[in-house]
Amino acid sequence: MRLDDASEYMDVEKWQRMENLLDKYGIKPIVGVIPNNQDPDMVGVYTKDERFWNKAQQWQEKGWSIALHGYTHVFETKEGGINPVNSRSEFAGVPLERQKEKIRLGVAKLKEHGLAPQIFFAPAHTFDENTLAALKQNSDICVISDTIATDVYYKNGFYFIPQQSGKVRKLPFKTVTFCYHPNMMQENDFAELELFMSECGSRFTHFSDDLLKRREVNAADEIVKWVYFFRRKEK
Protein backbone atom coordinates (compact mmCIF):
# COMPACT_ATOMS: atom_id res chain seq x y z
CA MET A 1 0.00 0.00 0.00
CA ARG A 2 1.30 3.41 -0.99
CA LEU A 3 -0.12 6.78 0.11
CA ASP A 4 0.63 9.94 -1.87
CA ASP A 5 0.71 13.63 -1.01
CA ALA A 6 1.29 13.76 2.73
CA SER A 7 2.31 17.27 3.73
CA GLU A 8 1.48 20.22 5.93
CA TYR A 9 -1.40 20.88 3.53
CA MET A 10 -3.70 17.86 3.38
CA ASP A 11 -7.20 16.70 4.29
CA VAL A 12 -6.54 15.87 7.93
CA GLU A 13 -9.83 14.02 8.45
CA LYS A 14 -9.37 11.74 5.45
CA TRP A 15 -5.77 10.98 6.34
CA GLN A 16 -6.82 10.10 9.89
CA ARG A 17 -9.54 7.85 8.53
CA MET A 18 -7.01 6.10 6.30
CA GLU A 19 -4.60 5.71 9.21
CA ASN A 20 -7.31 4.19 11.39
CA LEU A 21 -8.21 1.75 8.64
CA LEU A 22 -4.62 0.67 8.07
CA ASP A 23 -4.06 0.23 11.81
CA LYS A 24 -7.22 -1.88 12.08
CA TYR A 25 -5.84 -4.40 9.59
CA GLY A 26 -2.19 -4.12 10.62
CA ILE A 27 -1.03 -2.71 7.27
CA LYS A 28 2.07 -0.51 7.15
CA PRO A 29 2.22 1.57 3.96
CA ILE A 30 4.82 3.49 2.07
CA VAL A 31 3.87 7.14 2.61
CA GLY A 32 5.09 9.86 0.29
CA VAL A 33 5.93 13.13 2.04
CA ILE A 34 6.17 16.39 0.09
CA PRO A 35 8.97 18.36 1.83
CA ASN A 36 8.05 21.85 0.64
CA ASN A 37 4.54 21.67 -0.76
CA GLN A 38 3.77 24.59 -3.09
CA ASP A 39 1.07 22.91 -5.16
CA PRO A 40 -1.91 25.33 -5.31
CA ASP A 41 -4.29 22.37 -5.49
CA MET A 42 -3.32 21.62 -1.89
CA VAL A 43 -1.79 24.77 -0.40
CA GLY A 44 -4.77 26.82 -1.56
CA VAL A 45 -7.33 24.25 -0.42
CA TYR A 46 -6.30 22.82 2.95
CA THR A 47 -5.50 24.65 6.17
CA LYS A 48 -1.90 24.20 7.27
CA ASP A 49 -1.61 21.33 9.74
CA GLU A 50 0.75 22.56 12.43
CA ARG A 51 1.04 19.01 13.79
CA PHE A 52 2.01 17.41 10.50
CA TRP A 53 5.68 16.77 11.19
CA ASN A 54 4.86 15.21 14.56
CA LYS A 55 2.36 12.93 12.82
CA ALA A 56 4.93 11.93 10.22
CA GLN A 57 7.39 11.05 12.98
CA GLN A 58 4.70 8.89 14.62
CA TRP A 59 4.05 7.12 11.28
CA GLN A 60 7.74 6.33 11.03
CA GLU A 61 7.88 5.10 14.63
CA LYS A 62 5.09 2.59 14.04
CA GLY A 63 6.72 1.15 10.95
CA TRP A 64 5.40 3.18 8.04
CA SER A 65 8.07 3.62 5.36
CA ILE A 66 8.82 7.25 4.57
CA ALA A 67 9.30 8.17 0.92
CA LEU A 68 10.56 11.41 -0.58
CA HIS A 69 7.69 12.53 -2.82
CA GLY A 70 9.33 15.18 -4.95
CA TYR A 71 10.15 18.55 -3.43
CA THR A 72 7.48 21.17 -4.17
CA HIS A 73 4.95 19.03 -6.09
CA VAL A 74 4.79 21.75 -8.74
CA PHE A 75 4.99 20.54 -12.33
CA GLU A 76 7.65 22.23 -14.45
CA THR A 77 7.42 20.31 -17.73
CA LYS A 78 4.94 18.40 -19.87
CA GLU A 79 7.17 15.35 -20.17
CA GLY A 80 6.58 11.78 -19.04
CA GLY A 81 10.17 10.59 -18.78
CA ILE A 82 10.91 6.89 -18.39
CA ASN A 83 7.57 6.15 -16.71
CA PRO A 84 5.09 8.19 -18.80
CA VAL A 85 1.97 7.59 -16.75
CA ASN A 86 1.21 11.30 -17.18
CA SER A 87 2.48 14.09 -19.44
CA ARG A 88 3.51 16.47 -16.67
CA SER A 89 6.39 16.39 -14.26
CA GLU A 90 8.32 18.07 -11.49
CA PHE A 91 11.39 16.10 -12.63
CA ALA A 92 11.28 14.63 -16.14
CA GLY A 93 12.92 17.03 -18.58
CA VAL A 94 14.35 19.22 -15.82
CA PRO A 95 18.16 19.85 -15.96
CA LEU A 96 20.30 17.60 -13.77
CA GLU A 97 21.62 20.39 -11.53
CA ARG A 98 18.09 21.56 -10.77
CA GLN A 99 17.03 18.01 -9.97
CA LYS A 100 20.04 17.54 -7.70
CA GLU A 101 19.02 20.67 -5.81
CA LYS A 102 15.46 19.37 -5.38
CA ILE A 103 16.69 16.03 -4.03
CA ARG A 104 19.25 17.64 -1.73
CA LEU A 105 16.79 20.13 -0.28
CA GLY A 106 14.01 17.55 -0.01
CA VAL A 107 16.12 15.04 1.89
CA ALA A 108 17.46 17.77 4.16
CA LYS A 109 13.96 18.97 4.99
CA LEU A 110 12.77 15.49 5.95
CA LYS A 111 15.87 14.82 8.03
CA GLU A 112 15.41 18.18 9.76
CA HIS A 113 12.11 16.81 11.04
CA GLY A 114 13.51 13.46 12.11
CA LEU A 115 12.43 11.50 9.04
CA ALA A 116 14.66 9.03 7.21
CA PRO A 117 13.43 8.60 3.63
CA GLN A 118 14.20 5.14 2.25
CA ILE A 119 12.24 5.40 -1.00
CA PHE A 120 11.56 7.93 -3.74
CA PHE A 121 8.57 8.44 -5.98
CA ALA A 122 7.91 11.47 -8.14
CA PRO A 123 4.73 13.53 -8.39
CA ALA A 124 2.59 12.25 -11.29
CA HIS A 125 4.87 9.15 -11.38
CA THR A 126 7.14 10.90 -13.88
CA PHE A 127 10.93 11.03 -13.70
CA ASP A 128 13.91 10.48 -15.97
CA GLU A 129 17.51 9.28 -15.96
CA ASN A 130 18.64 12.60 -14.50
CA THR A 131 16.38 11.95 -11.50
CA LEU A 132 18.17 8.68 -10.85
CA ALA A 133 21.53 10.40 -11.21
CA ALA A 134 20.42 13.12 -8.78
CA LEU A 135 19.31 10.51 -6.24
CA LYS A 136 22.66 8.71 -6.53
CA GLN A 137 24.62 11.92 -6.08
CA ASN A 138 22.55 13.71 -3.44
CA SER A 139 20.93 10.98 -1.33
CA ASP A 140 21.27 7.44 -0.01
CA ILE A 141 17.98 6.41 -1.62
CA CYS A 142 18.21 3.40 -3.94
CA VAL A 143 14.55 2.30 -4.01
CA ILE A 144 11.90 3.65 -6.39
CA SER A 145 8.19 3.01 -5.89
CA ASP A 146 6.98 3.15 -9.51
CA THR A 147 7.08 1.62 -13.00
CA ILE A 148 5.11 -1.35 -14.31
CA ALA A 149 6.33 -4.94 -13.79
CA THR A 150 5.26 -8.26 -12.29
CA ASP A 151 7.63 -8.06 -9.33
CA VAL A 152 10.41 -6.05 -7.72
CA TYR A 153 13.45 -5.72 -9.98
CA TYR A 154 16.93 -4.21 -9.98
CA LYS A 155 18.32 -1.95 -12.68
CA ASN A 156 21.20 0.55 -12.87
CA GLY A 157 21.78 0.55 -9.14
CA PHE A 158 18.13 0.93 -8.12
CA TYR A 159 15.47 -1.42 -6.83
CA PHE A 160 12.10 -0.73 -8.44
CA ILE A 161 8.96 -1.72 -6.56
CA PRO A 162 6.30 -1.69 -9.31
CA GLN A 163 3.11 0.33 -8.84
CA GLN A 164 0.33 -1.06 -11.03
CA SER A 165 -3.02 0.12 -9.69
CA GLY A 166 -4.77 3.16 -8.27
CA LYS A 167 -7.20 1.03 -6.28
CA VAL A 168 -7.34 -2.38 -4.64
CA ARG A 169 -8.00 -5.31 -6.94
CA LYS A 170 -6.75 -8.85 -7.42
CA LEU A 171 -3.95 -8.92 -9.98
CA PRO A 172 -1.89 -11.91 -11.15
CA PHE A 173 1.50 -10.48 -10.15
CA LYS A 174 3.91 -11.47 -7.40
CA THR A 175 4.21 -7.94 -6.01
CA VAL A 176 1.50 -5.30 -6.42
CA THR A 177 1.45 -1.75 -5.09
CA PHE A 178 -1.89 0.01 -4.71
CA CYS A 179 -1.50 3.80 -4.85
CA TYR A 180 -4.01 5.95 -2.94
CA HIS A 181 -4.36 9.71 -2.57
CA PRO A 182 -6.28 10.13 0.72
CA ASN A 183 -6.94 13.80 -0.04
CA MET A 184 -9.07 12.78 -3.01
CA MET A 185 -10.85 9.73 -1.58
CA GLN A 186 -14.64 9.55 -1.42
CA GLU A 187 -16.94 7.48 0.77
CA ASN A 188 -17.17 4.64 -1.75
CA ASP A 189 -13.35 4.50 -1.98
CA PHE A 190 -13.05 3.91 1.76
CA ALA A 191 -15.84 1.31 1.68
CA GLU A 192 -14.24 -0.57 -1.22
CA LEU A 193 -10.84 -0.46 0.45
CA GLU A 194 -12.10 -1.78 3.78
CA LEU A 195 -13.99 -4.62 2.10
CA PHE A 196 -10.83 -5.66 0.26
CA MET A 197 -8.75 -5.42 3.43
CA SER A 198 -11.24 -7.52 5.37
CA GLU A 199 -10.92 -10.24 2.74
CA CYS A 200 -7.25 -9.96 1.78
CA GLY A 201 -5.57 -8.03 4.60
CA SER A 202 -3.30 -10.94 5.50
CA ARG A 203 -1.74 -10.83 2.03
CA PHE A 204 -0.38 -7.30 2.44
CA THR A 205 3.28 -6.88 3.25
CA HIS A 206 5.32 -3.86 4.27
CA PHE A 207 8.53 -2.51 2.85
CA SER A 208 11.70 -4.14 4.14
CA ASP A 209 15.08 -5.20 2.81
CA ASP A 210 13.66 -8.70 2.40
CA LEU A 211 11.45 -7.35 -0.38
CA LEU A 212 14.44 -6.21 -2.42
CA LYS A 213 15.88 -8.65 -4.92
CA ARG A 214 18.40 -8.27 -7.73
CA ARG A 215 16.03 -9.65 -10.32
CA GLU A 216 16.37 -8.47 -13.89
CA VAL A 217 13.44 -7.36 -16.03
CA ASN A 218 12.10 -10.26 -18.10
CA ALA A 219 9.73 -10.78 -21.03
CA ALA A 220 6.67 -11.01 -18.77
CA ASP A 221 7.49 -7.59 -17.31
CA GLU A 222 7.83 -6.09 -20.78
CA ILE A 223 4.47 -7.53 -21.86
CA VAL A 224 2.68 -6.22 -18.76
CA LYS A 225 4.26 -2.80 -19.27
CA TRP A 226 3.28 -2.70 -22.95
CA VAL A 227 -0.33 -3.70 -22.20
CA TYR A 228 -0.59 -1.14 -19.39
CA PHE A 229 0.58 1.80 -21.49
CA PHE A 230 -1.36 0.66 -24.56
CA ARG A 231 -4.59 0.57 -22.56
CA ARG A 232 -3.78 3.90 -20.96
CA LYS A 233 -3.19 5.45 -24.38
CA GLU A 234 -6.50 4.07 -25.64
CA LYS A 235 -8.35 5.76 -22.77
C-alpha atoms as a PDB file:
ATOM      1  CA  MET A   1       0.000   0.000   0.000  1.00  0.00           C
ATOM      2  CA  ARG A   2       1.299   3.407  -0.994  1.00  0.00           C
ATOM      3  CA  LEU A   3      -0.119   6.778   0.113  1.00  0.00           C
ATOM      4  CA  ASP A   4       0.633   9.936  -1.875  1.00  0.00           C
ATOM      5  CA  ASP A   5       0.713  13.628  -1.012  1.00  0.00           C
ATOM      6  CA  ALA A   6       1.294  13.760   2.726  1.00  0.00           C
ATOM      7  CA  SER A   7       2.306  17.271   3.732  1.00  0.00           C
ATOM      8  CA  GLU A   8       1.484  20.217   5.926  1.00  0.00           C
ATOM      9  CA  TYR A   9      -1.399  20.882   3.529  1.00  0.00           C
ATOM     10  CA  MET A  10      -3.703  17.863   3.379  1.00  0.00           C
ATOM     11  CA  ASP A  11      -7.196  16.705   4.287  1.00  0.00           C
ATOM     12  CA  VAL A  12      -6.543  15.867   7.931  1.00  0.00           C
ATOM     13  CA  GLU A  13      -9.827  14.016   8.453  1.00  0.00           C
ATOM     14  CA  LYS A  14      -9.370  11.740   5.447  1.00  0.00           C
ATOM     15  CA  TRP A  15      -5.769  10.977   6.341  1.00  0.00           C
ATOM     16  CA  GLN A  16      -6.820  10.096   9.890  1.00  0.00           C
ATOM     17  CA  ARG A  17      -9.540   7.847   8.527  1.00  0.00           C
ATOM     18  CA  MET A  18      -7.010   6.098   6.302  1.00  0.00           C
ATOM     19  CA  GLU A  19      -4.596   5.715   9.213  1.00  0.00           C
ATOM     20  CA  ASN A  20      -7.307   4.192  11.389  1.00  0.00           C
ATOM     21  CA  LEU A  21      -8.212   1.748   8.636  1.00  0.00           C
ATOM     22  CA  LEU A  22      -4.616   0.667   8.072  1.00  0.00           C
ATOM     23  CA  ASP A  23      -4.061   0.231  11.807  1.00  0.00           C
ATOM     24  CA  LYS A  24      -7.216  -1.878  12.076  1.00  0.00           C
ATOM     25  CA  TYR A  25      -5.838  -4.397   9.589  1.00  0.00           C
ATOM     26  CA  GLY A  26      -2.190  -4.119  10.616  1.00  0.00           C
ATOM     27  CA  ILE A  27      -1.032  -2.710   7.274  1.00  0.00           C
ATOM     28  CA  LYS A  28       2.071  -0.508   7.151  1.00  0.00           C
ATOM     29  CA  PRO A  29       2.217   1.567   3.961  1.00  0.00           C
ATOM     30  CA  ILE A  30       4.816   3.495   2.066  1.00  0.00           C
ATOM     31  CA  VAL A  31       3.873   7.140   2.613  1.00  0.00           C
ATOM     32  CA  GLY A  32       5.095   9.862   0.286  1.00  0.00           C
ATOM     33  CA  VAL A  33       5.934  13.126   2.041  1.00  0.00           C
ATOM     34  CA  ILE A  34       6.171  16.390   0.094  1.00  0.00           C
ATOM     35  CA  PRO A  35       8.970  18.355   1.833  1.00  0.00           C
ATOM     36  CA  ASN A  36       8.048  21.850   0.640  1.00  0.00           C
ATOM     37  CA  ASN A  37       4.544  21.671  -0.761  1.00  0.00           C
ATOM     38  CA  GLN A  38       3.775  24.592  -3.086  1.00  0.00           C
ATOM     39  CA  ASP A  39       1.072  22.915  -5.159  1.00  0.00           C
ATOM     40  CA  PRO A  40      -1.908  25.328  -5.306  1.00  0.00           C
ATOM     41  CA  ASP A  41      -4.287  22.367  -5.490  1.00  0.00           C
ATOM     42  CA  MET A  42      -3.325  21.621  -1.886  1.00  0.00           C
ATOM     43  CA  VAL A  43      -1.794  24.768  -0.404  1.00  0.00           C
ATOM     44  CA  GLY A  44      -4.768  26.819  -1.555  1.00  0.00           C
ATOM     45  CA  VAL A  45      -7.330  24.247  -0.424  1.00  0.00           C
ATOM     46  CA  TYR A  46      -6.297  22.820   2.951  1.00  0.00           C
ATOM     47  CA  THR A  47      -5.504  24.649   6.167  1.00  0.00           C
ATOM     48  CA  LYS A  48      -1.903  24.203   7.270  1.00  0.00           C
ATOM     49  CA  ASP A  49      -1.608  21.334   9.740  1.00  0.00           C
ATOM     50  CA  GLU A  50       0.754  22.558  12.427  1.00  0.00           C
ATOM     51  CA  ARG A  51       1.044  19.013  13.791  1.00  0.00           C
ATOM     52  CA  PHE A  52       2.005  17.405  10.497  1.00  0.00           C
ATOM     53  CA  TRP A  53       5.679  16.770  11.188  1.00  0.00           C
ATOM     54  CA  ASN A  54       4.861  15.209  14.558  1.00  0.00           C
ATOM     55  CA  LYS A  55       2.357  12.930  12.819  1.00  0.00           C
ATOM     56  CA  ALA A  56       4.930  11.935  10.220  1.00  0.00           C
ATOM     57  CA  GLN A  57       7.392  11.045  12.976  1.00  0.00           C
ATOM     58  CA  GLN A  58       4.698   8.894  14.615  1.00  0.00           C
ATOM     59  CA  TRP A  59       4.055   7.121  11.285  1.00  0.00           C
ATOM     60  CA  GLN A  60       7.737   6.330  11.028  1.00  0.00           C
ATOM     61  CA  GLU A  61       7.880   5.099  14.625  1.00  0.00           C
ATOM     62  CA  LYS A  62       5.093   2.593  14.037  1.00  0.00           C
ATOM     63  CA  GLY A  63       6.718   1.149  10.952  1.00  0.00           C
ATOM     64  CA  TRP A  64       5.396   3.177   8.040  1.00  0.00           C
ATOM     65  CA  SER A  65       8.071   3.622   5.360  1.00  0.00           C
ATOM     66  CA  ILE A  66       8.824   7.248   4.575  1.00  0.00           C
ATOM     67  CA  ALA A  67       9.301   8.174   0.921  1.00  0.00           C
ATOM     68  CA  LEU A  68      10.564  11.413  -0.585  1.00  0.00           C
ATOM     69  CA  HIS A  69       7.685  12.526  -2.817  1.00  0.00           C
ATOM     70  CA  GLY A  70       9.334  15.185  -4.947  1.00  0.00           C
ATOM     71  CA  TYR A  71      10.155  18.550  -3.428  1.00  0.00           C
ATOM     72  CA  THR A  72       7.476  21.175  -4.174  1.00  0.00           C
ATOM     73  CA  HIS A  73       4.954  19.025  -6.089  1.00  0.00           C
ATOM     74  CA  VAL A  74       4.787  21.750  -8.739  1.00  0.00           C
ATOM     75  CA  PHE A  75       4.989  20.543 -12.333  1.00  0.00           C
ATOM     76  CA  GLU A  76       7.647  22.230 -14.445  1.00  0.00           C
ATOM     77  CA  THR A  77       7.419  20.309 -17.727  1.00  0.00           C
ATOM     78  CA  LYS A  78       4.941  18.405 -19.871  1.00  0.00           C
ATOM     79  CA  GLU A  79       7.170  15.348 -20.168  1.00  0.00           C
ATOM     80  CA  GLY A  80       6.585  11.779 -19.042  1.00  0.00           C
ATOM     81  CA  GLY A  81      10.169  10.592 -18.781  1.00  0.00           C
ATOM     82  CA  ILE A  82      10.912   6.887 -18.391  1.00  0.00           C
ATOM     83  CA  ASN A  83       7.569   6.152 -16.714  1.00  0.00           C
ATOM     84  CA  PRO A  84       5.089   8.193 -18.801  1.00  0.00           C
ATOM     85  CA  VAL A  85       1.971   7.587 -16.746  1.00  0.00           C
ATOM     86  CA  ASN A  86       1.214  11.302 -17.183  1.00  0.00           C
ATOM     87  CA  SER A  87       2.478  14.087 -19.441  1.00  0.00           C
ATOM     88  CA  ARG A  88       3.513  16.470 -16.667  1.00  0.00           C
ATOM     89  CA  SER A  89       6.393  16.388 -14.255  1.00  0.00           C
ATOM     90  CA  GLU A  90       8.323  18.067 -11.492  1.00  0.00           C
ATOM     91  CA  PHE A  91      11.391  16.101 -12.628  1.00  0.00           C
ATOM     92  CA  ALA A  92      11.283  14.631 -16.144  1.00  0.00           C
ATOM     93  CA  GLY A  93      12.924  17.032 -18.581  1.00  0.00           C
ATOM     94  CA  VAL A  94      14.347  19.224 -15.822  1.00  0.00           C
ATOM     95  CA  PRO A  95      18.159  19.846 -15.956  1.00  0.00           C
ATOM     96  CA  LEU A  96      20.297  17.604 -13.767  1.00  0.00           C
ATOM     97  CA  GLU A  97      21.621  20.394 -11.526  1.00  0.00           C
ATOM     98  CA  ARG A  98      18.085  21.565 -10.765  1.00  0.00           C
ATOM     99  CA  GLN A  99      17.033  18.013  -9.966  1.00  0.00           C
ATOM    100  CA  LYS A 100      20.040  17.540  -7.701  1.00  0.00           C
ATOM    101  CA  GLU A 101      19.018  20.668  -5.811  1.00  0.00           C
ATOM    102  CA  LYS A 102      15.462  19.373  -5.379  1.00  0.00           C
ATOM    103  CA  ILE A 103      16.693  16.034  -4.033  1.00  0.00           C
ATOM    104  CA  ARG A 104      19.250  17.640  -1.728  1.00  0.00           C
ATOM    105  CA  LEU A 105      16.786  20.134  -0.277  1.00  0.00           C
ATOM    106  CA  GLY A 106      14.009  17.553  -0.006  1.00  0.00           C
ATOM    107  CA  VAL A 107      16.117  15.037   1.890  1.00  0.00           C
ATOM    108  CA  ALA A 108      17.460  17.766   4.164  1.00  0.00           C
ATOM    109  CA  LYS A 109      13.957  18.966   4.991  1.00  0.00           C
ATOM    110  CA  LEU A 110      12.775  15.486   5.946  1.00  0.00           C
ATOM    111  CA  LYS A 111      15.874  14.817   8.032  1.00  0.00           C
ATOM    112  CA  GLU A 112      15.409  18.185   9.757  1.00  0.00           C
ATOM    113  CA  HIS A 113      12.109  16.811  11.037  1.00  0.00           C
ATOM    114  CA  GLY A 114      13.509  13.458  12.111  1.00  0.00           C
ATOM    115  CA  LEU A 115      12.426  11.501   9.042  1.00  0.00           C
ATOM    116  CA  ALA A 116      14.664   9.028   7.210  1.00  0.00           C
ATOM    117  CA  PRO A 117      13.431   8.596   3.626  1.00  0.00           C
ATOM    118  CA  GLN A 118      14.198   5.135   2.254  1.00  0.00           C
ATOM    119  CA  ILE A 119      12.244   5.403  -0.996  1.00  0.00           C
ATOM    120  CA  PHE A 120      11.564   7.935  -3.743  1.00  0.00           C
ATOM    121  CA  PHE A 121       8.567   8.445  -5.979  1.00  0.00           C
ATOM    122  CA  ALA A 122       7.909  11.473  -8.136  1.00  0.00           C
ATOM    123  CA  PRO A 123       4.730  13.529  -8.393  1.00  0.00           C
ATOM    124  CA  ALA A 124       2.587  12.245 -11.291  1.00  0.00           C
ATOM    125  CA  HIS A 125       4.869   9.145 -11.380  1.00  0.00           C
ATOM    126  CA  THR A 126       7.136  10.900 -13.883  1.00  0.00           C
ATOM    127  CA  PHE A 127      10.929  11.030 -13.696  1.00  0.00           C
ATOM    128  CA  ASP A 128      13.908  10.481 -15.967  1.00  0.00           C
ATOM    129  CA  GLU A 129      17.509   9.281 -15.961  1.00  0.00           C
ATOM    130  CA  ASN A 130      18.641  12.601 -14.496  1.00  0.00           C
ATOM    131  CA  THR A 131      16.377  11.951 -11.499  1.00  0.00           C
ATOM    132  CA  LEU A 132      18.165   8.677 -10.852  1.00  0.00           C
ATOM    133  CA  ALA A 133      21.533  10.403 -11.211  1.00  0.00           C
ATOM    134  CA  ALA A 134      20.417  13.119  -8.776  1.00  0.00           C
ATOM    135  CA  LEU A 135      19.309  10.506  -6.244  1.00  0.00           C
ATOM    136  CA  LYS A 136      22.662   8.713  -6.528  1.00  0.00           C
ATOM    137  CA  GLN A 137      24.623  11.923  -6.076  1.00  0.00           C
ATOM    138  CA  ASN A 138      22.552  13.709  -3.443  1.00  0.00           C
ATOM    139  CA  SER A 139      20.932  10.977  -1.333  1.00  0.00           C
ATOM    140  CA  ASP A 140      21.267   7.445  -0.007  1.00  0.00           C
ATOM    141  CA  ILE A 141      17.979   6.405  -1.622  1.00  0.00           C
ATOM    142  CA  CYS A 142      18.207   3.404  -3.941  1.00  0.00           C
ATOM    143  CA  VAL A 143      14.553   2.299  -4.012  1.00  0.00           C
ATOM    144  CA  ILE A 144      11.902   3.649  -6.390  1.00  0.00           C
ATOM    145  CA  SER A 145       8.186   3.010  -5.893  1.00  0.00           C
ATOM    146  CA  ASP A 146       6.983   3.153  -9.509  1.00  0.00           C
ATOM    147  CA  THR A 147       7.079   1.620 -13.003  1.00  0.00           C
ATOM    148  CA  ILE A 148       5.111  -1.353 -14.312  1.00  0.00           C
ATOM    149  CA  ALA A 149       6.330  -4.937 -13.790  1.00  0.00           C
ATOM    150  CA  THR A 150       5.260  -8.255 -12.289  1.00  0.00           C
ATOM    151  CA  ASP A 151       7.626  -8.058  -9.327  1.00  0.00           C
ATOM    152  CA  VAL A 152      10.405  -6.046  -7.723  1.00  0.00           C
ATOM    153  CA  TYR A 153      13.447  -5.725  -9.983  1.00  0.00           C
ATOM    154  CA  TYR A 154      16.927  -4.210  -9.976  1.00  0.00           C
ATOM    155  CA  LYS A 155      18.325  -1.954 -12.683  1.00  0.00           C
ATOM    156  CA  ASN A 156      21.197   0.549 -12.873  1.00  0.00           C
ATOM    157  CA  GLY A 157      21.782   0.553  -9.139  1.00  0.00           C
ATOM    158  CA  PHE A 158      18.132   0.933  -8.116  1.00  0.00           C
ATOM    159  CA  TYR A 159      15.467  -1.418  -6.825  1.00  0.00           C
ATOM    160  CA  PHE A 160      12.103  -0.733  -8.444  1.00  0.00           C
ATOM    161  CA  ILE A 161       8.960  -1.720  -6.561  1.00  0.00           C
ATOM    162  CA  PRO A 162       6.295  -1.687  -9.306  1.00  0.00           C
ATOM    163  CA  GLN A 163       3.105   0.330  -8.838  1.00  0.00           C
ATOM    164  CA  GLN A 164       0.333  -1.056 -11.031  1.00  0.00           C
ATOM    165  CA  SER A 165      -3.017   0.123  -9.686  1.00  0.00           C
ATOM    166  CA  GLY A 166      -4.769   3.165  -8.275  1.00  0.00           C
ATOM    167  CA  LYS A 167      -7.202   1.028  -6.278  1.00  0.00           C
ATOM    168  CA  VAL A 168      -7.343  -2.377  -4.642  1.00  0.00           C
ATOM    169  CA  ARG A 169      -7.998  -5.310  -6.938  1.00  0.00           C
ATOM    170  CA  LYS A 170      -6.754  -8.849  -7.420  1.00  0.00           C
ATOM    171  CA  LEU A 171      -3.945  -8.916  -9.978  1.00  0.00           C
ATOM    172  CA  PRO A 172      -1.886 -11.912 -11.152  1.00  0.00           C
ATOM    173  CA  PHE A 173       1.498 -10.482 -10.152  1.00  0.00           C
ATOM    174  CA  LYS A 174       3.907 -11.467  -7.402  1.00  0.00           C
ATOM    175  CA  THR A 175       4.206  -7.939  -6.010  1.00  0.00           C
ATOM    176  CA  VAL A 176       1.495  -5.295  -6.424  1.00  0.00           C
ATOM    177  CA  THR A 177       1.447  -1.746  -5.086  1.00  0.00           C
ATOM    178  CA  PHE A 178      -1.886   0.015  -4.706  1.00  0.00           C
ATOM    179  CA  CYS A 179      -1.501   3.799  -4.847  1.00  0.00           C
ATOM    180  CA  TYR A 180      -4.014   5.947  -2.936  1.00  0.00           C
ATOM    181  CA  HIS A 181      -4.357   9.705  -2.568  1.00  0.00           C
ATOM    182  CA  PRO A 182      -6.283  10.135   0.722  1.00  0.00           C
ATOM    183  CA  ASN A 183      -6.940  13.804  -0.035  1.00  0.00           C
ATOM    184  CA  MET A 184      -9.067  12.777  -3.007  1.00  0.00           C
ATOM    185  CA  MET A 185     -10.847   9.732  -1.583  1.00  0.00           C
ATOM    186  CA  GLN A 186     -14.643   9.554  -1.418  1.00  0.00           C
ATOM    187  CA  GLU A 187     -16.943   7.479   0.766  1.00  0.00           C
ATOM    188  CA  ASN A 188     -17.166   4.642  -1.752  1.00  0.00           C
ATOM    189  CA  ASP A 189     -13.350   4.504  -1.976  1.00  0.00           C
ATOM    190  CA  PHE A 190     -13.051   3.907   1.760  1.00  0.00           C
ATOM    191  CA  ALA A 191     -15.835   1.313   1.681  1.00  0.00           C
ATOM    192  CA  GLU A 192     -14.239  -0.566  -1.222  1.00  0.00           C
ATOM    193  CA  LEU A 193     -10.836  -0.463   0.450  1.00  0.00           C
ATOM    194  CA  GLU A 194     -12.101  -1.782   3.776  1.00  0.00           C
ATOM    195  CA  LEU A 195     -13.989  -4.619   2.103  1.00  0.00           C
ATOM    196  CA  PHE A 196     -10.829  -5.665   0.264  1.00  0.00           C
ATOM    197  CA  MET A 197      -8.752  -5.423   3.428  1.00  0.00           C
ATOM    198  CA  SER A 198     -11.245  -7.520   5.370  1.00  0.00           C
ATOM    199  CA  GLU A 199     -10.922 -10.241   2.736  1.00  0.00           C
ATOM    200  CA  CYS A 200      -7.247  -9.963   1.779  1.00  0.00           C
ATOM    201  CA  GLY A 201      -5.575  -8.034   4.598  1.00  0.00           C
ATOM    202  CA  SER A 202      -3.298 -10.936   5.502  1.00  0.00           C
ATOM    203  CA  ARG A 203      -1.744 -10.834   2.032  1.00  0.00           C
ATOM    204  CA  PHE A 204      -0.377  -7.304   2.444  1.00  0.00           C
ATOM    205  CA  THR A 205       3.283  -6.884   3.247  1.00  0.00           C
ATOM    206  CA  HIS A 206       5.323  -3.861   4.271  1.00  0.00           C
ATOM    207  CA  PHE A 207       8.528  -2.509   2.849  1.00  0.00           C
ATOM    208  CA  SER A 208      11.704  -4.145   4.137  1.00  0.00           C
ATOM    209  CA  ASP A 209      15.084  -5.198   2.813  1.00  0.00           C
ATOM    210  CA  ASP A 210      13.657  -8.704   2.404  1.00  0.00           C
ATOM    211  CA  LEU A 211      11.447  -7.353  -0.378  1.00  0.00           C
ATOM    212  CA  LEU A 212      14.436  -6.209  -2.422  1.00  0.00           C
ATOM    213  CA  LYS A 213      15.883  -8.645  -4.919  1.00  0.00           C
ATOM    214  CA  ARG A 214      18.395  -8.275  -7.726  1.00  0.00           C
ATOM    215  CA  ARG A 215      16.033  -9.651 -10.322  1.00  0.00           C
ATOM    216  CA  GLU A 216      16.367  -8.472 -13.892  1.00  0.00           C
ATOM    217  CA  VAL A 217      13.442  -7.361 -16.027  1.00  0.00           C
ATOM    218  CA  ASN A 218      12.100 -10.260 -18.096  1.00  0.00           C
ATOM    219  CA  ALA A 219       9.728 -10.784 -21.031  1.00  0.00           C
ATOM    220  CA  ALA A 220       6.670 -11.012 -18.772  1.00  0.00           C
ATOM    221  CA  ASP A 221       7.488  -7.591 -17.307  1.00  0.00           C
ATOM    222  CA  GLU A 222       7.830  -6.088 -20.780  1.00  0.00           C
ATOM    223  CA  ILE A 223       4.474  -7.528 -21.855  1.00  0.00           C
ATOM    224  CA  VAL A 224       2.679  -6.216 -18.765  1.00  0.00           C
ATOM    225  CA  LYS A 225       4.261  -2.800 -19.272  1.00  0.00           C
ATOM    226  CA  TRP A 226       3.275  -2.700 -22.952  1.00  0.00           C
ATOM    227  CA  VAL A 227      -0.326  -3.698 -22.196  1.00  0.00           C
ATOM    228  CA  TYR A 228      -0.589  -1.138 -19.394  1.00  0.00           C
ATOM    229  CA  PHE A 229       0.575   1.805 -21.494  1.00  0.00           C
ATOM    230  CA  PHE A 230      -1.359   0.658 -24.563  1.00  0.00           C
ATOM    231  CA  ARG A 231      -4.586   0.571 -22.564  1.00  0.00           C
ATOM    232  CA  ARG A 232      -3.778   3.903 -20.961  1.00  0.00           C
ATOM    233  CA  LYS A 233      -3.194   5.452 -24.375  1.00  0.00           C
ATOM    234  CA  GLU A 234      -6.502   4.071 -25.642  1.00  0.00           C
ATOM    235  CA  LYS A 235      -8.346   5.765 -22.768  1.00  0.00           C
END
